[in-house]
Amino acid sequence: MGHPEQPTGRRVPVPLRESRDRAKHIIQLIAKTIMCWPRLSAPSRDKGKIAMQTIDYIYRFDPLNPSAKPSPPDAEAARKTLEDGNRMFSKWMGSCRSSTLTRGEEPKYVVSCNGLEVGMVRREGGMPKQAPFAVVVGCSDARVPTEMIFGQGFNDLFVIRVAGNVLGDVCLGSIDFAVTTLSESVKVVVMLGHSGCGAVTGAVDAYLRPMKFWSRATSRSLRSILHKIFVAVRESANGLKEVWGPDARDMPGYREALIETAVCINAAQAAFDLRQEIEQAGRWEIEVLYAVYSLHNHQVTMPVDPLAPASDANVHLAYAPTNPREFNTLAIRMAEILKPVGLVRNPIVDSGMNGEPPRSNGPLPGADRGRVKSDE
């Protein structure tokens, strides 16, 4: 046997070949389609072509116009971008639930992405610049995919995830890094809770049954997370008692209502803390928002009705509270939403507490109000 024929021409250095392979792999990832299969059925055939029965949610990169997606110019535009992205995501989830297939050549749900911002090899060399327009602090729950929920792509969000979306030193340090080092691009900081949060559920159960908190099954590290949520649970319990009456704890559905209310209050209190941090840093151009993601209708909103059907009008990122008294207002609003059918409103709340005028069911204080710099 003769010797194998040697390759001719200039050999490509190994590092360069690896870079090309990596770039090719990234392009393939960008081009991938996230598909939800509505049913197990055979592909339909149309004039000899196979058309898959799918509902598509696509991340799209246009190599001819890689920077087609502009970054929001200010905090209000960033807020609207996030809300619009969530509306698209919730509609896709609704299509999956109703088995409404994607038809026609143009997919319904498309997230524009810039592949150059995730490490694709650039002709001029160098690393891509990190430039997120929003910092999102959310829970680690696997059912809450932050970028998808807000309909955003690569390099759009700086995401920090921790169980119960609680604020600890490491979490605050990450936020400080983002708003300081990435201040040219960051417009908003979002505190995002979610319905059915396991950490909040653990805090509620420990509040209702204190012995469970000291169980050997609850580690010291887990207790440190629950500790940070207890104030929100107590505020929520007070709101339920005001609206449902002194026997609220014995009523059916109390535990579930306490969990959902505490999820909202926990997000509101964390947003209040974040607002103070941002203001103390003098970052007046950065707005702090908060909301809760509903696992029921896949929408981000505040306040939250756990059983509300999906609607574009539901999607709402609220501005962070400016006064701790707003926590009680939110707790009472949630208690009204979750009130058992047929329960008569507490007369103390109807007539107002301590001679104050009755509370209304209108918008939450500060829900549609931006931060105004004060000289006080």
Protein backbone atom coordinates (compact mmCIF):
# COMPACT_ATOMS: atom_id res chain seq x y z
CA MET A 1 0.00 0.00 0.00
CA GLY A 2 1.25 3.47 -0.81
CA HIS A 3 1.50 6.31 1.57
CA PRO A 4 -1.66 8.36 1.97
CA GLU A 5 -1.75 11.41 -0.20
CA GLN A 6 -0.56 14.46 1.70
CA PRO A 7 -2.78 17.54 1.72
CA THR A 8 -1.54 20.32 -0.48
CA GLY A 9 -1.75 24.06 -0.02
CA ARG A 10 -1.59 26.15 3.08
CA ARG A 11 -2.74 24.42 6.29
CA VAL A 12 -5.20 26.27 8.48
CA PRO A 13 -3.83 26.74 12.02
CA VAL A 14 -5.69 24.74 14.65
CA PRO A 15 -6.82 27.76 16.73
CA LEU A 16 -8.32 29.37 13.63
CA ARG A 17 -10.13 26.16 12.67
CA GLU A 18 -11.52 25.93 16.20
CA SER A 19 -12.71 29.54 16.00
CA ARG A 20 -14.47 28.85 12.71
CA ASP A 21 -16.08 25.71 14.14
CA ARG A 22 -17.21 27.65 17.18
CA ALA A 23 -18.66 30.43 15.00
CA LYS A 24 -20.48 27.85 12.90
CA HIS A 25 -21.90 26.26 16.04
CA ILE A 26 -23.11 29.63 17.37
CA ILE A 27 -24.82 30.42 14.06
CA GLN A 28 -26.60 27.08 14.26
CA LEU A 29 -27.74 27.89 17.79
CA ILE A 30 -29.01 31.30 16.72
CA ALA A 31 -30.94 29.73 13.86
CA LYS A 32 -32.59 27.12 16.04
CA THR A 33 -36.35 27.16 16.50
CA ILE A 34 -37.96 26.46 19.83
CA MET A 35 -40.92 24.29 18.93
CA CYS A 36 -43.97 23.34 20.94
CA TRP A 37 -45.72 20.19 19.62
CA PRO A 38 -49.46 20.60 20.10
CA ARG A 39 -50.29 16.95 19.46
CA LEU A 40 -48.73 13.68 18.33
CA SER A 41 -49.65 13.56 14.67
CA ALA A 42 -48.10 12.77 11.32
CA PRO A 43 -46.66 15.68 9.31
CA SER A 44 -49.06 17.08 6.72
CA ARG A 45 -48.09 17.01 3.07
CA ASP A 46 -48.60 19.93 0.71
CA LYS A 47 -47.66 19.37 -2.94
CA GLY A 48 -44.98 16.89 -2.07
CA LYS A 49 -43.50 19.04 0.70
CA ILE A 50 -43.60 18.11 4.38
CA ALA A 51 -45.09 20.79 6.64
CA MET A 52 -44.49 20.16 10.34
CA GLN A 53 -47.35 20.68 12.80
CA THR A 54 -45.60 23.14 15.09
CA ILE A 55 -46.01 26.37 17.01
CA ASP A 56 -42.81 28.35 16.53
CA TYR A 57 -40.98 30.75 18.82
CA ILE A 58 -37.89 31.83 16.91
CA TYR A 59 -34.62 33.59 17.74
CA ARG A 60 -33.60 35.26 14.49
CA PHE A 61 -30.23 36.65 13.41
CA ASP A 62 -29.98 38.56 10.14
CA PRO A 63 -26.33 38.47 8.98
CA LEU A 64 -27.05 41.22 6.43
CA ASN A 65 -28.38 43.55 9.12
CA PRO A 66 -26.98 42.27 12.43
CA SER A 67 -27.74 45.40 14.47
CA ALA A 68 -31.34 45.87 13.36
CA LYS A 69 -32.70 45.83 16.92
CA PRO A 70 -32.16 49.25 18.56
CA SER A 71 -31.67 49.56 22.30
CA PRO A 72 -34.35 51.50 24.24
CA PRO A 73 -33.24 55.14 24.66
CA ASP A 74 -34.66 55.68 28.17
CA ALA A 75 -36.33 53.98 31.13
CA GLU A 76 -39.90 54.35 29.87
CA ALA A 77 -38.98 52.92 26.47
CA ALA A 78 -37.21 50.03 28.23
CA ARG A 79 -40.30 49.37 30.31
CA LYS A 80 -42.48 49.29 27.19
CA THR A 81 -40.03 46.98 25.40
CA LEU A 82 -40.20 44.48 28.26
CA GLU A 83 -43.98 44.65 28.47
CA ASP A 84 -44.39 44.19 24.70
CA GLY A 85 -41.98 41.25 24.78
CA ASN A 86 -44.03 39.59 27.50
CA ARG A 87 -47.23 40.09 25.53
CA MET A 88 -45.67 38.22 22.61
CA PHE A 89 -44.44 35.39 24.85
CA SER A 90 -47.81 34.97 26.57
CA LYS A 91 -49.54 34.81 23.18
CA TRP A 92 -47.12 32.09 22.10
CA MET A 93 -47.87 30.15 25.28
CA GLY A 94 -51.58 30.65 24.60
CA SER A 95 -51.08 29.24 21.10
CA CYS A 96 -49.37 26.20 22.61
CA ARG A 97 -52.24 25.69 25.02
CA SER A 98 -54.92 26.02 22.32
CA SER A 99 -52.89 24.17 19.63
CA THR A 100 -53.10 27.16 17.28
CA LEU A 101 -50.49 26.28 14.67
CA THR A 102 -48.07 28.67 12.99
CA ARG A 103 -49.21 29.00 9.37
CA GLY A 104 -47.74 30.79 6.39
CA GLU A 105 -44.11 31.48 5.60
CA GLU A 106 -43.64 34.16 8.26
CA PRO A 107 -43.52 32.89 11.88
CA LYS A 108 -45.69 34.72 14.40
CA TYR A 109 -43.32 34.89 17.33
CA VAL A 110 -39.84 36.16 16.47
CA VAL A 111 -37.15 37.54 18.77
CA SER A 112 -34.52 39.53 16.89
CA CYS A 113 -30.99 38.73 18.05
CA ASN A 114 -27.53 40.03 17.23
CA GLY A 115 -25.20 37.06 16.98
CA LEU A 116 -22.20 39.39 17.07
CA GLU A 117 -23.02 40.11 20.71
CA VAL A 118 -22.56 36.52 21.92
CA GLY A 119 -19.03 35.80 20.76
CA MET A 120 -19.23 35.28 17.01
CA VAL A 121 -15.81 35.83 15.45
CA ARG A 122 -15.50 39.41 14.25
CA ARG A 123 -13.38 40.41 11.30
CA GLU A 124 -11.76 43.19 13.30
CA GLY A 125 -11.19 40.87 16.26
CA GLY A 126 -11.89 41.63 19.91
CA MET A 127 -14.62 40.60 22.33
CA PRO A 128 -18.23 41.80 22.02
CA LYS A 129 -19.26 44.61 24.33
CA GLN A 130 -21.76 43.84 27.08
CA ALA A 131 -24.66 46.27 26.73
CA PRO A 132 -27.92 45.12 28.42
CA PHE A 133 -30.71 47.68 28.69
CA ALA A 134 -32.25 46.05 31.78
CA VAL A 135 -31.10 44.32 34.95
CA VAL A 136 -33.60 41.66 36.06
CA VAL A 137 -33.47 40.13 39.53
CA GLY A 138 -35.63 37.02 39.59
CA CYS A 139 -36.14 33.65 41.21
CA SER A 140 -34.08 30.58 40.30
CA ASP A 141 -37.26 28.62 39.50
CA ALA A 142 -36.76 26.62 36.28
CA ARG A 143 -40.29 27.48 35.14
CA VAL A 144 -39.38 31.17 34.82
CA PRO A 145 -37.01 31.60 31.81
CA THR A 146 -36.29 35.31 32.10
CA GLU A 147 -35.19 36.19 28.56
CA MET A 148 -38.07 34.25 26.99
CA ILE A 149 -40.66 35.72 29.36
CA PHE A 150 -39.72 39.23 28.23
CA GLY A 151 -39.20 38.29 24.59
CA GLN A 152 -35.56 39.36 24.61
CA GLY A 153 -32.45 37.95 22.98
CA PHE A 154 -28.71 37.96 23.57
CA ASN A 155 -27.08 40.84 25.42
CA ASP A 156 -30.43 42.49 26.18
CA LEU A 157 -30.77 41.55 29.86
CA PHE A 158 -28.36 41.26 32.78
CA VAL A 159 -30.06 38.49 34.75
CA ILE A 160 -29.50 37.69 38.43
CA ARG A 161 -31.40 34.69 39.77
CA VAL A 162 -31.67 33.58 43.40
CA ALA A 163 -34.28 31.52 45.23
CA GLY A 164 -37.15 33.73 46.35
CA ASN A 165 -35.59 36.71 44.51
CA VAL A 166 -34.20 37.83 47.88
CA LEU A 167 -31.55 40.52 48.21
CA GLY A 168 -28.32 39.31 49.81
CA ASP A 169 -24.80 40.73 49.69
CA VAL A 170 -23.79 38.77 46.60
CA CYS A 171 -26.99 39.71 44.77
CA LEU A 172 -26.62 43.40 45.66
CA GLY A 173 -22.98 43.28 44.58
CA SER A 174 -24.02 41.93 41.19
CA ILE A 175 -26.60 44.70 40.81
CA ASP A 176 -24.02 47.32 41.81
CA PHE A 177 -21.64 45.95 39.18
CA ALA A 178 -24.32 46.18 36.49
CA VAL A 179 -25.52 49.71 37.22
CA THR A 180 -21.96 50.99 37.66
CA THR A 181 -19.95 49.20 35.00
CA LEU A 182 -22.76 48.99 32.46
CA SER A 183 -24.33 52.37 33.20
CA GLU A 184 -24.11 53.47 29.56
CA SER A 185 -26.71 50.89 28.52
CA VAL A 186 -28.77 50.00 31.63
CA LYS A 187 -32.06 51.88 31.79
CA VAL A 188 -34.13 49.88 34.30
CA VAL A 189 -33.75 47.40 37.15
CA VAL A 190 -36.63 44.92 37.47
CA MET A 191 -37.51 42.88 40.56
CA LEU A 192 -39.48 39.86 39.33
CA GLY A 193 -41.36 37.44 41.54
CA HIS A 194 -43.54 34.59 40.33
CA SER A 195 -46.71 32.84 41.44
CA GLY A 196 -46.31 29.60 43.34
CA CYS A 197 -42.78 30.50 44.47
CA GLY A 198 -41.26 27.63 46.46
CA ALA A 199 -39.18 29.89 48.70
CA VAL A 200 -42.18 32.06 49.58
CA THR A 201 -44.26 28.93 50.14
CA GLY A 202 -41.60 27.69 52.56
CA ALA A 203 -41.67 31.00 54.44
CA VAL A 204 -45.48 30.90 54.67
CA ASP A 205 -45.49 27.33 55.96
CA ALA A 206 -42.83 28.22 58.54
CA TYR A 207 -44.94 31.22 59.59
CA LEU A 208 -48.05 29.06 59.99
CA ARG A 209 -46.17 26.14 61.61
CA PRO A 210 -43.01 27.50 63.31
CA MET A 211 -41.75 24.05 64.29
CA LYS A 212 -41.25 23.27 60.62
CA PHE A 213 -38.75 26.13 60.41
CA TRP A 214 -36.52 24.39 62.95
CA SER A 215 -36.86 20.96 61.37
CA ARG A 216 -33.64 19.15 60.52
CA ALA A 217 -34.87 19.06 56.93
CA THR A 218 -34.51 22.85 56.82
CA SER A 219 -30.82 23.71 56.54
CA ARG A 220 -29.27 26.85 57.96
CA SER A 221 -28.69 28.15 54.42
CA LEU A 222 -32.35 27.67 53.54
CA ARG A 223 -33.45 29.33 56.79
CA SER A 224 -31.39 32.40 55.83
CA ILE A 225 -33.54 32.75 52.69
CA LEU A 226 -36.82 32.23 54.57
CA HIS A 227 -35.75 34.86 57.13
CA LYS A 228 -35.65 37.50 54.39
CA ILE A 229 -39.22 36.70 53.35
CA PHE A 230 -40.88 36.64 56.78
CA VAL A 231 -41.59 40.40 56.85
CA ALA A 232 -43.46 40.10 53.55
CA VAL A 233 -45.45 37.16 54.94
CA ARG A 234 -46.41 39.10 58.08
CA GLU A 235 -47.46 42.15 56.04
CA SER A 236 -49.57 39.87 53.84
CA ALA A 237 -51.20 38.20 56.85
CA ASN A 238 -52.16 41.62 58.23
CA GLY A 239 -53.76 42.58 54.91
CA LEU A 240 -55.79 39.36 54.75
CA LYS A 241 -56.95 39.86 58.32
CA GLU A 242 -58.10 43.42 57.56
CA VAL A 243 -60.16 42.37 54.56
CA TRP A 244 -61.25 38.82 55.46
CA GLY A 245 -61.81 39.51 59.14
CA PRO A 246 -60.24 38.27 62.40
CA ASP A 247 -61.01 34.63 61.56
CA ALA A 248 -59.19 34.80 58.21
CA ARG A 249 -56.65 32.17 59.21
CA ASP A 250 -59.38 29.56 59.66
CA MET A 251 -61.03 30.21 56.28
CA PRO A 252 -60.67 27.87 53.27
CA GLY A 253 -58.00 29.00 50.86
CA TYR A 254 -56.16 31.12 53.44
CA ARG A 255 -52.76 29.46 52.97
CA GLU A 256 -52.91 29.77 49.17
CA ALA A 257 -53.99 33.43 49.42
CA LEU A 258 -51.21 34.15 51.90
CA ILE A 259 -48.65 32.63 49.51
CA GLU A 260 -49.81 34.65 46.49
CA THR A 261 -50.05 37.88 48.51
CA ALA A 262 -46.61 37.33 50.03
CA VAL A 263 -45.13 36.78 46.54
CA CYS A 264 -46.32 40.29 45.59
CA ILE A 265 -45.26 41.94 48.84
CA ASN A 266 -41.86 40.24 48.72
CA ALA A 267 -41.26 41.68 45.23
CA ALA A 268 -42.51 45.12 46.30
CA GLN A 269 -40.30 45.27 49.40
CA ALA A 270 -37.24 44.14 47.45
CA ALA A 271 -37.98 46.77 44.78
CA PHE A 272 -38.26 49.41 47.53
CA ASP A 273 -34.82 48.38 48.86
CA LEU A 274 -33.38 48.47 45.35
CA ARG A 275 -34.80 51.93 44.75
CA GLN A 276 -33.01 53.19 47.83
CA GLU A 277 -29.74 51.61 46.66
CA ILE A 278 -30.06 53.18 43.20
CA GLU A 279 -30.88 56.60 44.60
CA GLN A 280 -28.02 56.51 47.09
CA ALA A 281 -25.70 55.73 44.18
CA GLY A 282 -27.02 58.84 42.39
CA ARG A 283 -28.27 56.83 39.39
CA TRP A 284 -31.34 58.95 38.81
CA GLU A 285 -31.56 57.96 35.15
CA ILE A 286 -32.17 54.31 36.10
CA GLU A 287 -35.75 53.36 37.03
CA VAL A 288 -36.68 50.50 39.40
CA LEU A 289 -39.69 48.38 38.45
CA TYR A 290 -41.34 45.30 39.92
CA ALA A 291 -43.92 42.70 38.97
CA VAL A 292 -44.92 39.05 39.37
CA TYR A 293 -44.91 36.45 36.58
CA SER A 294 -48.07 34.34 36.62
CA LEU A 295 -47.57 30.66 35.86
CA HIS A 296 -51.28 30.54 35.03
CA ASN A 297 -51.48 33.04 32.15
CA HIS A 298 -47.71 33.56 31.56
CA GLN A 299 -48.00 37.32 31.97
CA VAL A 300 -45.98 39.78 34.03
CA THR A 301 -48.21 42.08 36.05
CA MET A 302 -48.83 43.91 39.34
CA PRO A 303 -51.10 43.42 41.22
CA VAL A 304 -51.77 39.79 40.36
CA ASP A 305 -55.02 37.93 39.94
CA PRO A 306 -53.87 34.28 39.83
CA LEU A 307 -56.94 33.16 37.86
CA ALA A 308 -57.20 36.07 35.40
CA PRO A 309 -57.27 35.03 31.73
CA ALA A 310 -54.47 36.30 29.50
CA SER A 311 -55.02 39.80 28.15
CA ASP A 312 -52.73 42.49 26.74
CA ALA A 313 -54.17 44.88 29.32
CA ASN A 314 -52.92 42.69 32.18
CA VAL A 315 -49.23 43.11 31.35
CA HIS A 316 -47.81 45.76 33.63
CA LEU A 317 -44.47 46.56 35.25
CA ALA A 318 -45.12 48.83 38.25
CA TYR A 319 -42.72 51.45 39.54
CA ALA A 320 -41.07 50.58 42.85
CA PRO A 321 -42.83 51.83 46.00
CA THR A 322 -41.55 55.08 47.48
CA ASN A 323 -43.05 54.62 50.94
CA PRO A 324 -43.39 51.51 53.15
CA ARG A 325 -47.09 52.34 53.67
CA GLU A 326 -47.64 51.21 50.09
CA PHE A 327 -46.97 47.61 51.19
CA ASN A 328 -50.16 47.62 53.26
CA THR A 329 -52.12 49.11 50.36
CA LEU A 330 -50.87 46.32 48.08
CA ALA A 331 -51.62 43.64 50.71
CA ILE A 332 -55.21 44.87 51.04
CA ARG A 333 -55.60 45.02 47.26
CA MET A 334 -54.41 41.42 46.96
CA ALA A 335 -56.70 40.35 49.83
CA GLU A 336 -59.66 41.83 47.92
CA ILE A 337 -58.66 40.00 44.72
CA LEU A 338 -58.28 36.68 46.55
CA LYS A 339 -61.29 37.10 48.83
CA PRO A 340 -63.49 33.95 49.01
CA VAL A 341 -66.73 34.18 47.04
CA GLY A 342 -69.59 35.41 49.23
CA LEU A 343 -67.35 36.93 51.91
CA VAL A 344 -68.71 40.29 53.11
CA ARG A 345 -66.09 43.02 53.17
CA ASN A 346 -64.77 43.85 56.64
CA PRO A 347 -66.70 46.93 57.88
CA ILE A 348 -63.53 48.29 59.48
CA VAL A 349 -61.94 48.48 56.04
CA ASP A 350 -65.12 49.90 54.47
CA SER A 351 -65.29 52.79 56.94
CA GLY A 352 -61.56 53.41 57.00
CA MET A 353 -59.07 52.74 59.76
CA ASN A 354 -58.72 55.32 62.55
CA GLY A 355 -61.09 57.72 60.83
CA GLU A 356 -59.27 57.59 57.49
CA PRO A 357 -61.37 57.65 54.29
CA PRO A 358 -62.27 54.24 52.82
CA ARG A 359 -59.70 52.55 50.64
CA SER A 360 -60.54 52.29 46.95
CA ASN A 361 -59.88 49.52 44.47
CA GLY A 362 -58.14 51.93 42.09
CA PRO A 363 -54.54 51.80 40.91
CA LEU A 364 -51.82 51.18 43.44
CA PRO A 365 -49.98 54.27 44.70
CA GLY A 366 -47.04 54.83 42.41
CA ALA A 367 -48.07 52.05 40.02
CA ASP A 368 -47.83 54.37 37.01
CA ARG A 369 -45.49 56.94 38.48
CA GLY A 370 -41.84 57.36 37.62
CA ARG A 371 -39.21 58.55 40.07
CA VAL A 372 -38.87 62.29 40.38
CA LYS A 373 -35.61 63.64 41.73
CA SER A 374 -36.15 65.56 44.92
CA ASP A 375 -33.98 68.20 46.57
CA GLU A 376 -35.37 67.36 50.01
